C-alpha atoms as a PDB file:
ATOM      1  CA  MET A   1      -1.980 -26.314  -2.314  1.00  0.00           C
ATOM      2  CA  LEU A   2      -1.492 -23.559  -0.252  1.00  0.00           C
ATOM      3  CA  CYS A   3      -1.251 -23.626   4.129  1.00  0.00           C
ATOM      4  CA  LEU A   4      -2.682 -20.746   5.988  1.00  0.00           C
ATOM      5  CA  ALA A   5      -2.200 -21.270   9.497  1.00  0.00           C
ATOM      6  CA  ARG A   6      -2.607 -19.589  12.570  1.00  0.00           C
ATOM      7  CA  PRO A   7      -0.728 -20.723  16.076  1.00  0.00           C
ATOM      8  CA  LEU A   8      -2.443 -18.562  18.705  1.00  0.00           C
ATOM      9  CA  GLU A   9      -5.530 -16.133  17.963  1.00  0.00           C
ATOM     10  CA  VAL A  10      -4.074 -13.070  17.961  1.00  0.00           C
ATOM     11  CA  GLU A  11      -7.465  -9.933  17.949  1.00  0.00           C
ATOM     12  CA  GLY A  12      -8.066  -8.206  15.262  1.00  0.00           C
ATOM     13  CA  LEU A  13      -6.230 -11.068  12.762  1.00  0.00           C
ATOM     14  CA  ALA A  14      -7.993 -12.735   9.982  1.00  0.00           C
ATOM     15  CA  ILE A  15      -6.981 -14.479   6.881  1.00  0.00           C
ATOM     16  CA  GLU A  16      -8.721 -16.079   4.608  1.00  0.00           C
ATOM     17  CA  LEU A  17      -8.779 -18.099   1.416  1.00  0.00           C
ATOM     18  CA  ARG A  18     -11.166 -16.591  -1.273  1.00  0.00           C
ATOM     19  CA  GLY A  19     -10.938 -18.712  -4.545  1.00  0.00           C
ATOM     20  CA  GLY A  20      -6.994 -19.602  -3.597  1.00  0.00           C
ATOM     21  CA  VAL A  21      -6.201 -16.416  -2.944  1.00  0.00           C
ATOM     22  CA  PRO A  22      -5.621 -15.532   1.128  1.00  0.00           C
ATOM     23  CA  PHE A  23      -6.822 -12.593   2.118  1.00  0.00           C
ATOM     24  CA  VAL A  24      -5.327 -10.985   4.653  1.00  0.00           C
ATOM     25  CA  GLU A  25      -7.392  -8.804   7.384  1.00  0.00           C
ATOM     26  CA  PHE A  26      -6.625  -6.909   9.942  1.00  0.00           C
ATOM     27  CA  ALA A  27      -8.893  -4.679  12.704  1.00  0.00           C
ATOM     28  CA  GLU A  28      -8.435  -0.608  13.387  1.00  0.00           C
ATOM     29  CA  SER A  29      -5.516   0.389  15.411  1.00  0.00           C
ATOM     30  CA  PRO A  30      -5.866   4.312  15.476  1.00  0.00           C
ATOM     31  CA  ARG A  31      -2.764   6.271  14.653  1.00  0.00           C
ATOM     32  CA  GLN A  32      -0.720   3.252  14.063  1.00  0.00           C
ATOM     33  CA  SER A  33       1.427   2.276  10.661  1.00  0.00           C
ATOM     34  CA  LEU A  34       1.614  -1.563  10.034  1.00  0.00           C
ATOM     35  CA  LEU A  35       3.367  -3.812   7.513  1.00  0.00           C
ATOM     36  CA  LEU A  36       2.525  -6.972   6.555  1.00  0.00           C
ATOM     37  CA  GLU A  37       5.155 -10.171   5.448  1.00  0.00           C
ATOM     38  CA  ARG A  38       4.560 -13.043   4.248  1.00  0.00           C
ATOM     39  CA  SER A  39       7.633 -16.025   4.772  1.00  0.00           C
ATOM     40  CA  THR A  40       7.082 -19.501   2.794  1.00  0.00           C
ATOM     41  CA  GLY A  41       9.509 -21.179   4.869  1.00  0.00           C
ATOM     42  CA  LEU A  42       9.895 -18.892   8.227  1.00  0.00           C
ATOM     43  CA  ALA A  43      13.711 -18.587   7.575  1.00  0.00           C
ATOM     44  CA  SER A  44      13.364 -15.086   5.387  1.00  0.00           C
ATOM     45  CA  TRP A  45       9.917 -12.558   5.418  1.00  0.00           C
ATOM     46  CA  GLU A  46       9.306 -10.495   2.592  1.00  0.00           C
ATOM     47  CA  GLU A  47       7.045  -7.095   3.359  1.00  0.00           C
ATOM     48  CA  ILE A  48       4.088  -7.231   0.937  1.00  0.00           C
ATOM     49  CA  ALA A  49       2.184  -3.795   2.476  1.00  0.00           C
ATOM     50  CA  ARG A  50       2.434  -1.081   4.141  1.00  0.00           C
ATOM     51  CA  VAL A  51      -0.886   0.887   5.339  1.00  0.00           C
ATOM     52  CA  GLN A  52      -1.994   3.409   7.475  1.00  0.00           C
ATOM     53  CA  GLU A  53      -4.379   2.912  10.466  1.00  0.00           C
ATOM     54  CA  ARG A  54      -6.277  -0.462   8.978  1.00  0.00           C
ATOM     55  CA  LEU A  55      -5.330  -3.533   6.537  1.00  0.00           C
ATOM     56  CA  TRP A  56      -8.615  -4.394   4.610  1.00  0.00           C
ATOM     57  CA  ALA A  57      -8.261  -7.587   3.226  1.00  0.00           C
ATOM     58  CA  TYR A  58      -5.360  -7.686   1.745  1.00  0.00           C
ATOM     59  CA  GLY A  59      -4.970 -10.115  -1.541  1.00  0.00           C
ATOM     60  CA  ASP A  60      -1.915 -11.611  -0.838  1.00  0.00           C
ATOM     61  CA  TRP A  61      -1.985 -13.470  -5.329  1.00  0.00           C
ATOM     62  CA  ALA A  62       1.632 -13.777  -5.399  1.00  0.00           C
ATOM     63  CA  ALA A  63       0.789 -16.879  -3.259  1.00  0.00           C
ATOM     64  CA  VAL A  64      -1.223 -18.758  -5.392  1.00  0.00           C
ATOM     65  CA  GLY A  65       0.079 -21.628  -6.020  1.00  0.00           C
ATOM     66  CA  LYS A  66       2.982 -21.719  -3.531  1.00  0.00           C
ATOM     67  CA  PRO A  67       3.202 -24.890  -1.236  1.00  0.00           C
ATOM     68  CA  GLN A  68       2.760 -22.706   1.893  1.00  0.00           C
ATOM     69  CA  ALA A  69       2.691 -19.444   2.827  1.00  0.00           C
ATOM     70  CA  PHE A  70       3.196 -17.358   6.529  1.00  0.00           C
ATOM     71  CA  TYR A  71       2.460 -14.071   7.997  1.00  0.00           C
ATOM     72  CA  ARG A  72       2.693 -11.727   9.860  1.00  0.00           C
ATOM     73  CA  ILE A  73       1.657  -8.042  11.021  1.00  0.00           C
ATOM     74  CA  SER A  74       3.112  -5.900  13.024  1.00  0.00           C
ATOM     75  CA  GLN A  75       2.473  -1.785  14.022  1.00  0.00           C
ATOM     76  CA  ARG A  76       4.327   1.252  15.494  1.00  0.00           C
ATOM     77  CA  PRO A  77       2.821   4.922  16.239  1.00  0.00           C
ATOM     78  CA  LEU A  78       2.854   6.666  12.773  1.00  0.00           C
ATOM     79  CA  THR A  79       5.797   8.761  11.793  1.00  0.00           C
ATOM     80  CA  SER A  80       6.413  11.809   9.596  1.00  0.00           C
ATOM     81  CA  ILE A  81       7.592   9.082   6.831  1.00  0.00           C
ATOM     82  CA  ASP A  82       4.384   7.134   6.620  1.00  0.00           C
ATOM     83  CA  ASP A  83       3.666   9.461   3.830  1.00  0.00           C
ATOM     84  CA  TRP A  84       2.150   6.811   1.901  1.00  0.00           C
ATOM     85  CA  SER A  85       0.461   3.580   2.148  1.00  0.00           C
ATOM     86  CA  ASN A  86      -1.101   0.230  -0.514  1.00  0.00           C
ATOM     87  CA  GLN A  87      -4.557   0.862   0.703  1.00  0.00           C
ATOM     88  CA  LEU A  88      -6.704   4.442   0.070  1.00  0.00           C
ATOM     89  CA  SER A  89      -9.709   4.971   1.964  1.00  0.00           C
ATOM     90  CA  PRO A  90     -11.500   7.626   2.336  1.00  0.00           C
ATOM     91  CA  SER A  91     -11.729   8.092   5.493  1.00  0.00           C
ATOM     92  CA  ASN A  92      -8.101   8.648   5.602  1.00  0.00           C
ATOM     93  CA  ASP A  93      -7.699  12.866   4.764  1.00  0.00           C
ATOM     94  CA  ALA A  94      -3.977  12.595   5.050  1.00  0.00           C
ATOM     95  CA  LEU A  95      -3.866  11.167   1.843  1.00  0.00           C
ATOM     96  CA  PHE A  96      -6.462  13.474  -0.240  1.00  0.00           C
ATOM     97  CA  THR A  97      -5.151  16.288  -1.131  1.00  0.00           C
ATOM     98  CA  PRO A  98      -8.203  19.119   0.256  1.00  0.00           C
ATOM     99  CA  GLY A  99     -11.454  20.033  -1.775  1.00  0.00           C
ATOM    100  CA  THR A 100     -12.072  23.572  -1.945  1.00  0.00           C
ATOM    101  CA  GLY A 101     -14.667  25.601  -2.734  1.00  0.00           C
ATOM    102  CA  SER A 102     -17.417  23.931  -4.500  1.00  0.00           C
ATOM    103  CA  GLY A 103     -18.993  21.464  -7.336  1.00  0.00           C
ATOM    104  CA  LEU A 104     -15.801  20.005  -9.535  1.00  0.00           C
ATOM    105  CA  ALA A 105     -13.259  22.604  -7.082  1.00  0.00           C
ATOM    106  CA  ALA A 106     -14.241  20.085  -3.189  1.00  0.00           C
ATOM    107  CA  THR A 107     -13.576  17.096  -5.471  1.00  0.00           C
ATOM    108  CA  ARG A 108     -10.496  15.178  -3.396  1.00  0.00           C
ATOM    109  CA  PHE A 109      -8.176  13.489  -4.996  1.00  0.00           C
ATOM    110  CA  ALA A 110      -4.951  10.730  -4.774  1.00  0.00           C
ATOM    111  CA  LYS A 111      -2.232  10.090  -6.148  1.00  0.00           C
ATOM    112  CA  PHE A 112      -0.465   6.612  -7.020  1.00  0.00           C
ATOM    113  CA  SER A 113       1.887   5.103  -8.992  1.00  0.00           C
ATOM    114  CA  ILE A 114       2.081   1.588  -9.446  1.00  0.00           C
ATOM    115  CA  LEU A 115       5.786  -0.469 -10.798  1.00  0.00           C
ATOM    116  CA  LEU A 116       5.609  -2.492 -13.908  1.00  0.00           C
ATOM    117  CA  ASP A 117       8.292  -5.529 -11.952  1.00  0.00           C
ATOM    118  CA  GLY A 118       5.896  -7.794 -11.792  1.00  0.00           C
ATOM    119  CA  THR A 119       4.549  -6.491  -7.861  1.00  0.00           C
ATOM    120  CA  ASP A 120       1.298  -5.922  -6.857  1.00  0.00           C
ATOM    121  CA  ARG A 121       1.297  -3.477  -5.443  1.00  0.00           C
ATOM    122  CA  VAL A 122      -0.673   0.160  -5.544  1.00  0.00           C
ATOM    123  CA  TYR A 123       1.838   3.152  -3.730  1.00  0.00           C
ATOM    124  CA  PHE A 124      -1.046   6.031  -2.725  1.00  0.00           C
ATOM    125  CA  GLN A 125       0.841   9.498  -2.114  1.00  0.00           C
ATOM    126  CA  ASP A 126       0.084  12.138   0.434  1.00  0.00           C
ATOM    127  CA  SER A 127      -1.184  14.285  -2.253  1.00  0.00           C
ATOM    128  CA  VAL A 128       0.003  17.150  -0.484  1.00  0.00           C
ATOM    129  CA  LYS A 129       3.062  16.323   0.700  1.00  0.00           C
ATOM    130  CA  TRP A 130       4.044  14.477  -2.612  1.00  0.00           C
ATOM    131  CA  PRO A 131       2.420  16.728  -5.247  1.00  0.00           C
ATOM    132  CA  PHE A 132       4.846  15.405  -7.899  1.00  0.00           C
ATOM    133  CA  HIS A 133       4.875  11.638  -8.770  1.00  0.00           C
ATOM    134  CA  TYR A 134       9.306  12.173  -9.238  1.00  0.00           C
ATOM    135  CA  SER A 135       9.760  13.591  -5.383  1.00  0.00           C
ATOM    136  CA  PHE A 136       7.708  10.937  -3.894  1.00  0.00           C
ATOM    137  CA  ALA A 137       9.628   8.507  -6.592  1.00  0.00           C
ATOM    138  CA  ARG A 138      12.962   9.331  -5.372  1.00  0.00           C
ATOM    139  CA  ALA A 139      11.948   9.745  -1.797  1.00  0.00           C
ATOM    140  CA  ARG A 140       9.473   5.942  -1.177  1.00  0.00           C
ATOM    141  CA  LEU A 141      10.458   3.537  -3.711  1.00  0.00           C
ATOM    142  CA  PRO A 142      12.346   1.067  -4.798  1.00  0.00           C
ATOM    143  CA  GLY A 143      15.287   1.967  -7.613  1.00  0.00           C
ATOM    144  CA  TYR A 144      14.533   5.471  -8.064  1.00  0.00           C
ATOM    145  CA  ALA A 145      16.290   6.836  -5.461  1.00  0.00           C
ATOM    146  CA  THR A 146      19.158   7.786  -7.619  1.00  0.00           C
ATOM    147  CA  MET A 147      16.924   9.087 -10.678  1.00  0.00           C
ATOM    148  CA  THR A 148      17.399  12.555 -12.701  1.00  0.00           C
ATOM    149  CA  VAL A 149      13.747  13.962 -13.259  1.00  0.00           C
ATOM    150  CA  LEU A 150      15.361  14.108 -16.753  1.00  0.00           C
ATOM    151  CA  GLU A 151      15.406   9.982 -16.196  1.00  0.00           C
ATOM    152  CA  PHE A 152      12.405   9.460 -14.327  1.00  0.00           C
ATOM    153  CA  ASN A 153      10.659  11.001 -17.084  1.00  0.00           C
ATOM    154  CA  ALA A 154      11.969   9.325 -20.442  1.00  0.00           C
ATOM    155  CA  GLN A 155      12.003   5.617 -18.166  1.00  0.00           C
ATOM    156  CA  GLY A 156       8.722   6.125 -15.554  1.00  0.00           C
ATOM    157  CA  SER A 157       6.491   5.664 -17.756  1.00  0.00           C
ATOM    158  CA  MET A 158       8.453   2.049 -18.785  1.00  0.00           C
ATOM    159  CA  ARG A 159       8.639   1.130 -15.181  1.00  0.00           C
ATOM    160  CA  MET A 160       5.409   2.363 -13.516  1.00  0.00           C
ATOM    161  CA  ARG A 161       2.316   3.949 -13.663  1.00  0.00           C
ATOM    162  CA  VAL A 162       0.731   7.135 -12.418  1.00  0.00           C
ATOM    163  CA  SER A 163      -2.862   8.305 -11.985  1.00  0.00           C
ATOM    164  CA  GLU A 164      -4.689  10.441  -9.756  1.00  0.00           C
ATOM    165  CA  TRP A 165      -8.355   8.766  -7.951  1.00  0.00           C
ATOM    166  CA  PRO A 166     -11.064  11.357  -7.470  1.00  0.00           C
ATOM    167  CA  SER A 167     -12.860  10.922  -4.283  1.00  0.00           C
ATOM    168  CA  ALA A 168     -16.455  12.278  -4.060  1.00  0.00           C
ATOM    169  CA  PRO A 169     -16.536  16.167  -2.181  1.00  0.00           C
ATOM    170  CA  SER A 170     -17.228  16.052   0.907  1.00  0.00           C
END
């Protein structure tokens, strides 16, 4: 049984069960980095999502089957290290490559990585700042900070999936 508790009303925060999966949403907060954390006993907290400006309905599948789950969200101004997000919105131009020209050349895309360690997070990277997955992984993803490019290429496909997600031309 999953218990969701909101001891007080927090403007902009919504928690909803859908098919036994808790979905957490937080209203738009311009130029803010939002951090969503979960706890099962309030003694320790685990980061489950980090997004830019708005948390769209975020499903916490890892909480399914747990006796209880508590959520908290914090925000702070965006900084230069906020060059990735666990959610992607076509309106967030910062994470997409700029489209140039017309036709296919106008297609914008965002690079993303999915770690194969059992977490259910997708990491969308700033595709201009980080044109290569390796550089982004070393700087931002857990377990990659000391990995050489050769190690990344040899182990990368076993530990993570990398890809690009196209966006409709503007």
